[in-house]
Amino acid sequence: MSTILLVEDEELNRTLVKAVLSRAQVEAVRGAAVLDATSLAAAREQLGSMDIDLILLDMNLPDGNGLTLARELATGGMSGRSRPAVVAVTASVLPEDRAAALAAGCDGFLDKPYAAAELIAVVAEHLSPTG
């Protein structure tokens, strides 16, 4: 079973993502455990204590920019754990924002707002063995 870490400070967004993923019928997503963190500090704590397969990473968090965490992970900040895939999730849709996320080490980018099918497709892409 895969483990997804949802790093999102807005409660409504966390609730919606969890609801969508819990109902997903795509094999790569079905049954995945979805953990959450509301800040960079909480995300680092989760990452230090368990294996995570995918991070859905909001860019605007109370204690900083999500790209900070993406950079840490890209430069080996996992110490002994395998690096999870990282998908930036943000309302910032300018081409330079997408480029900055990819340059920081994100594996994908999901624009807010998004449809449930888009979320499931991105998650499945990064959780599948060939993804």
C-alpha atoms as a PDB file:
ATOM      1  CA  MET A   1       0.000   0.000   0.000  1.00  0.00           C
ATOM      2  CA  SER A   2       1.254   3.473  -0.885  1.00  0.00           C
ATOM      3  CA  THR A   3       1.506   6.376   1.512  1.00  0.00           C
ATOM      4  CA  ILE A   4       0.733   9.936   0.431  1.00  0.00           C
ATOM      5  CA  LEU A   5       1.639  12.983   2.494  1.00  0.00           C
ATOM      6  CA  LEU A   6      -0.682  15.895   1.843  1.00  0.00           C
ATOM      7  CA  VAL A   7       1.013  19.136   2.911  1.00  0.00           C
ATOM      8  CA  GLU A   8      -1.808  21.666   2.964  1.00  0.00           C
ATOM      9  CA  ASP A   9      -2.779  24.262   5.564  1.00  0.00           C
ATOM     10  CA  GLU A  10      -6.404  24.757   4.469  1.00  0.00           C
ATOM     11  CA  GLU A  11      -8.712  22.277   6.202  1.00  0.00           C
ATOM     12  CA  LEU A  12     -11.313  22.288   3.420  1.00  0.00           C
ATOM     13  CA  ASN A  13      -8.657  21.440   0.821  1.00  0.00           C
ATOM     14  CA  ARG A  14      -7.328  18.576   2.971  1.00  0.00           C
ATOM     15  CA  THR A  15     -10.834  17.202   3.437  1.00  0.00           C
ATOM     16  CA  LEU A  16     -11.610  17.359  -0.281  1.00  0.00           C
ATOM     17  CA  VAL A  17      -8.342  15.723  -1.345  1.00  0.00           C
ATOM     18  CA  LYS A  18      -8.800  12.902   1.151  1.00  0.00           C
ATOM     19  CA  ALA A  19     -12.394  12.361   0.016  1.00  0.00           C
ATOM     20  CA  VAL A  20     -11.431  12.238  -3.660  1.00  0.00           C
ATOM     21  CA  LEU A  21      -8.514   9.872  -3.100  1.00  0.00           C
ATOM     22  CA  SER A  22     -10.506   7.575  -0.808  1.00  0.00           C
ATOM     23  CA  ARG A  23     -13.055   7.068  -3.584  1.00  0.00           C
ATOM     24  CA  ALA A  24     -10.551   6.599  -6.402  1.00  0.00           C
ATOM     25  CA  GLN A  25     -11.049   3.456  -8.431  1.00  0.00           C
ATOM     26  CA  VAL A  26      -7.658   3.623 -10.147  1.00  0.00           C
ATOM     27  CA  GLU A  27      -5.552   0.692  -8.968  1.00  0.00           C
ATOM     28  CA  ALA A  28      -2.425   2.748  -8.207  1.00  0.00           C
ATOM     29  CA  VAL A  29      -4.419   5.069  -5.924  1.00  0.00           C
ATOM     30  CA  ARG A  30      -6.994   2.732  -4.379  1.00  0.00           C
ATOM     31  CA  GLY A  31      -6.168   1.931  -0.762  1.00  0.00           C
ATOM     32  CA  ALA A  32      -3.391   4.495  -0.412  1.00  0.00           C
ATOM     33  CA  ALA A  33      -2.952   5.903   3.072  1.00  0.00           C
ATOM     34  CA  VAL A  34      -3.268   9.690   3.087  1.00  0.00           C
ATOM     35  CA  LEU A  35      -1.496  11.489   5.909  1.00  0.00           C
ATOM     36  CA  ASP A  36      -1.530  15.223   6.314  1.00  0.00           C
ATOM     37  CA  ALA A  37       0.641  18.050   7.534  1.00  0.00           C
ATOM     38  CA  THR A  38      -0.398  21.668   7.871  1.00  0.00           C
ATOM     39  CA  SER A  39       3.094  23.188   7.804  1.00  0.00           C
ATOM     40  CA  LEU A  40       6.633  22.566   6.610  1.00  0.00           C
ATOM     41  CA  ALA A  41       7.660  21.647  10.154  1.00  0.00           C
ATOM     42  CA  ALA A  42       4.889  19.055  10.428  1.00  0.00           C
ATOM     43  CA  ALA A  43       5.803  17.656   6.994  1.00  0.00           C
ATOM     44  CA  ARG A  44       9.461  17.294   8.005  1.00  0.00           C
ATOM     45  CA  GLU A  45       8.388  15.459  11.149  1.00  0.00           C
ATOM     46  CA  GLN A  46       6.243  13.011   9.149  1.00  0.00           C
ATOM     47  CA  LEU A  47       9.019  12.488   6.604  1.00  0.00           C
ATOM     48  CA  GLY A  48      11.504  11.757   9.370  1.00  0.00           C
ATOM     49  CA  SER A  49       9.358   9.096  10.961  1.00  0.00           C
ATOM     50  CA  MET A  50       7.941   7.067   8.068  1.00  0.00           C
ATOM     51  CA  ASP A  51       8.332   6.112   4.437  1.00  0.00           C
ATOM     52  CA  ILE A  52       6.290   8.316   2.131  1.00  0.00           C
ATOM     53  CA  ASP A  53       5.730   7.484  -1.551  1.00  0.00           C
ATOM     54  CA  LEU A  54       4.259  10.788  -2.724  1.00  0.00           C
ATOM     55  CA  ILE A  55       3.986  14.319  -1.372  1.00  0.00           C
ATOM     56  CA  LEU A  56       1.223  16.646  -2.548  1.00  0.00           C
ATOM     57  CA  LEU A  57       2.875  19.913  -1.601  1.00  0.00           C
ATOM     58  CA  ASP A  58       1.097  23.235  -1.285  1.00  0.00           C
ATOM     59  CA  MET A  59       3.396  26.155  -2.043  1.00  0.00           C
ATOM     60  CA  ASN A  60       2.005  28.701   0.429  1.00  0.00           C
ATOM     61  CA  LEU A  61       2.237  27.419   3.982  1.00  0.00           C
ATOM     62  CA  PRO A  62       2.182  29.232   7.337  1.00  0.00           C
ATOM     63  CA  ASP A  63       5.888  28.660   7.937  1.00  0.00           C
ATOM     64  CA  GLY A  64       7.233  29.161   4.418  1.00  0.00           C
ATOM     65  CA  ASN A  65       7.192  28.201   0.782  1.00  0.00           C
ATOM     66  CA  GLY A  66       6.742  24.543  -0.123  1.00  0.00           C
ATOM     67  CA  LEU A  67       9.623  24.822  -2.580  1.00  0.00           C
ATOM     68  CA  THR A  68      11.953  24.949   0.413  1.00  0.00           C
ATOM     69  CA  LEU A  69      10.962  21.399   1.300  1.00  0.00           C
ATOM     70  CA  ALA A  70      11.183  20.288  -2.334  1.00  0.00           C
ATOM     71  CA  ARG A  71      14.763  21.605  -2.501  1.00  0.00           C
ATOM     72  CA  GLU A  72      15.685  19.836   0.745  1.00  0.00           C
ATOM     73  CA  LEU A  73      14.380  16.547  -0.586  1.00  0.00           C
ATOM     74  CA  ALA A  74      16.084  17.005  -3.960  1.00  0.00           C
ATOM     75  CA  THR A  75      19.449  17.563  -2.288  1.00  0.00           C
ATOM     76  CA  GLY A  76      19.323  14.451  -0.122  1.00  0.00           C
ATOM     77  CA  GLY A  77      17.470  15.740   2.909  1.00  0.00           C
ATOM     78  CA  MET A  78      15.862  12.344   3.599  1.00  0.00           C
ATOM     79  CA  SER A  79      18.871  10.741   5.352  1.00  0.00           C
ATOM     80  CA  GLY A  80      18.430   7.017   4.905  1.00  0.00           C
ATOM     81  CA  ARG A  81      14.967   7.026   3.367  1.00  0.00           C
ATOM     82  CA  SER A  82      14.075   6.828  -0.276  1.00  0.00           C
ATOM     83  CA  ARG A  83      12.991  10.141  -1.764  1.00  0.00           C
ATOM     84  CA  PRO A  84       9.261  10.385  -2.396  1.00  0.00           C
ATOM     85  CA  ALA A  85       7.833  11.859  -5.573  1.00  0.00           C
ATOM     86  CA  VAL A  86       6.819  15.490  -5.023  1.00  0.00           C
ATOM     87  CA  VAL A  87       3.935  17.219  -6.789  1.00  0.00           C
ATOM     88  CA  ALA A  88       3.574  20.973  -6.318  1.00  0.00           C
ATOM     89  CA  VAL A  89      -0.062  21.950  -5.800  1.00  0.00           C
ATOM     90  CA  THR A  90      -0.675  25.648  -6.177  1.00  0.00           C
ATOM     91  CA  ALA A  91      -2.946  28.383  -7.460  1.00  0.00           C
ATOM     92  CA  SER A  92       0.120  30.077  -8.944  1.00  0.00           C
ATOM     93  CA  VAL A  93      -0.140  29.032 -12.568  1.00  0.00           C
ATOM     94  CA  LEU A  94       2.340  31.329 -14.265  1.00  0.00           C
ATOM     95  CA  PRO A  95       4.945  29.548 -16.409  1.00  0.00           C
ATOM     96  CA  GLU A  96       7.727  30.844 -14.165  1.00  0.00           C
ATOM     97  CA  ASP A  97       6.016  29.297 -11.107  1.00  0.00           C
ATOM     98  CA  ARG A  98       5.875  25.923 -12.815  1.00  0.00           C
ATOM     99  CA  ALA A  99       9.523  26.269 -13.870  1.00  0.00           C
ATOM    100  CA  ALA A 100      10.535  27.216 -10.302  1.00  0.00           C
ATOM    101  CA  ALA A 101       8.738  24.166  -8.882  1.00  0.00           C
ATOM    102  CA  LEU A 102      10.421  21.806 -11.337  1.00  0.00           C
ATOM    103  CA  ALA A 103      13.820  23.463 -10.756  1.00  0.00           C
ATOM    104  CA  ALA A 104      13.348  23.000  -6.995  1.00  0.00           C
ATOM    105  CA  GLY A 105      12.994  19.255  -7.527  1.00  0.00           C
ATOM    106  CA  CYS A 106       9.261  18.723  -7.882  1.00  0.00           C
ATOM    107  CA  ASP A 107       8.320  15.820 -10.121  1.00  0.00           C
ATOM    108  CA  GLY A 108       4.992  17.303 -11.137  1.00  0.00           C
ATOM    109  CA  PHE A 109       2.733  20.324 -10.900  1.00  0.00           C
ATOM    110  CA  LEU A 110      -1.008  20.521 -10.279  1.00  0.00           C
ATOM    111  CA  ASP A 111      -2.860  23.811 -10.737  1.00  0.00           C
ATOM    112  CA  LYS A 112      -5.569  24.849  -8.283  1.00  0.00           C
ATOM    113  CA  PRO A 113      -8.420  24.595  -8.810  1.00  0.00           C
ATOM    114  CA  TYR A 114      -8.378  21.146 -10.337  1.00  0.00           C
ATOM    115  CA  ALA A 115     -10.962  18.511 -11.118  1.00  0.00           C
ATOM    116  CA  ALA A 116     -11.091  15.304  -9.101  1.00  0.00           C
ATOM    117  CA  ALA A 117     -10.078  13.333 -12.192  1.00  0.00           C
ATOM    118  CA  GLU A 118      -6.967  15.511 -12.592  1.00  0.00           C
ATOM    119  CA  LEU A 119      -5.930  14.888  -8.980  1.00  0.00           C
ATOM    120  CA  ILE A 120      -6.406  11.143  -9.336  1.00  0.00           C
ATOM    121  CA  ALA A 121      -4.500  11.061 -12.633  1.00  0.00           C
ATOM    122  CA  VAL A 122      -1.508  12.960 -11.188  1.00  0.00           C
ATOM    123  CA  VAL A 123      -1.420  10.800  -8.070  1.00  0.00           C
ATOM    124  CA  ALA A 124      -1.704   7.599 -10.111  1.00  0.00           C
ATOM    125  CA  GLU A 125       1.064   8.748 -12.451  1.00  0.00           C
ATOM    126  CA  HIS A 126       3.467   9.251  -9.559  1.00  0.00           C
ATOM    127  CA  LEU A 127       2.470   6.152  -7.589  1.00  0.00           C
ATOM    128  CA  SER A 128       2.455   3.647 -10.430  1.00  0.00           C
ATOM    129  CA  PRO A 129       5.587   1.497 -10.761  1.00  0.00           C
ATOM    130  CA  THR A 130       6.177   2.819 -14.263  1.00  0.00           C
ATOM    131  CA  GLY A 131       5.293   6.440 -13.308  1.00  0.00           C
END
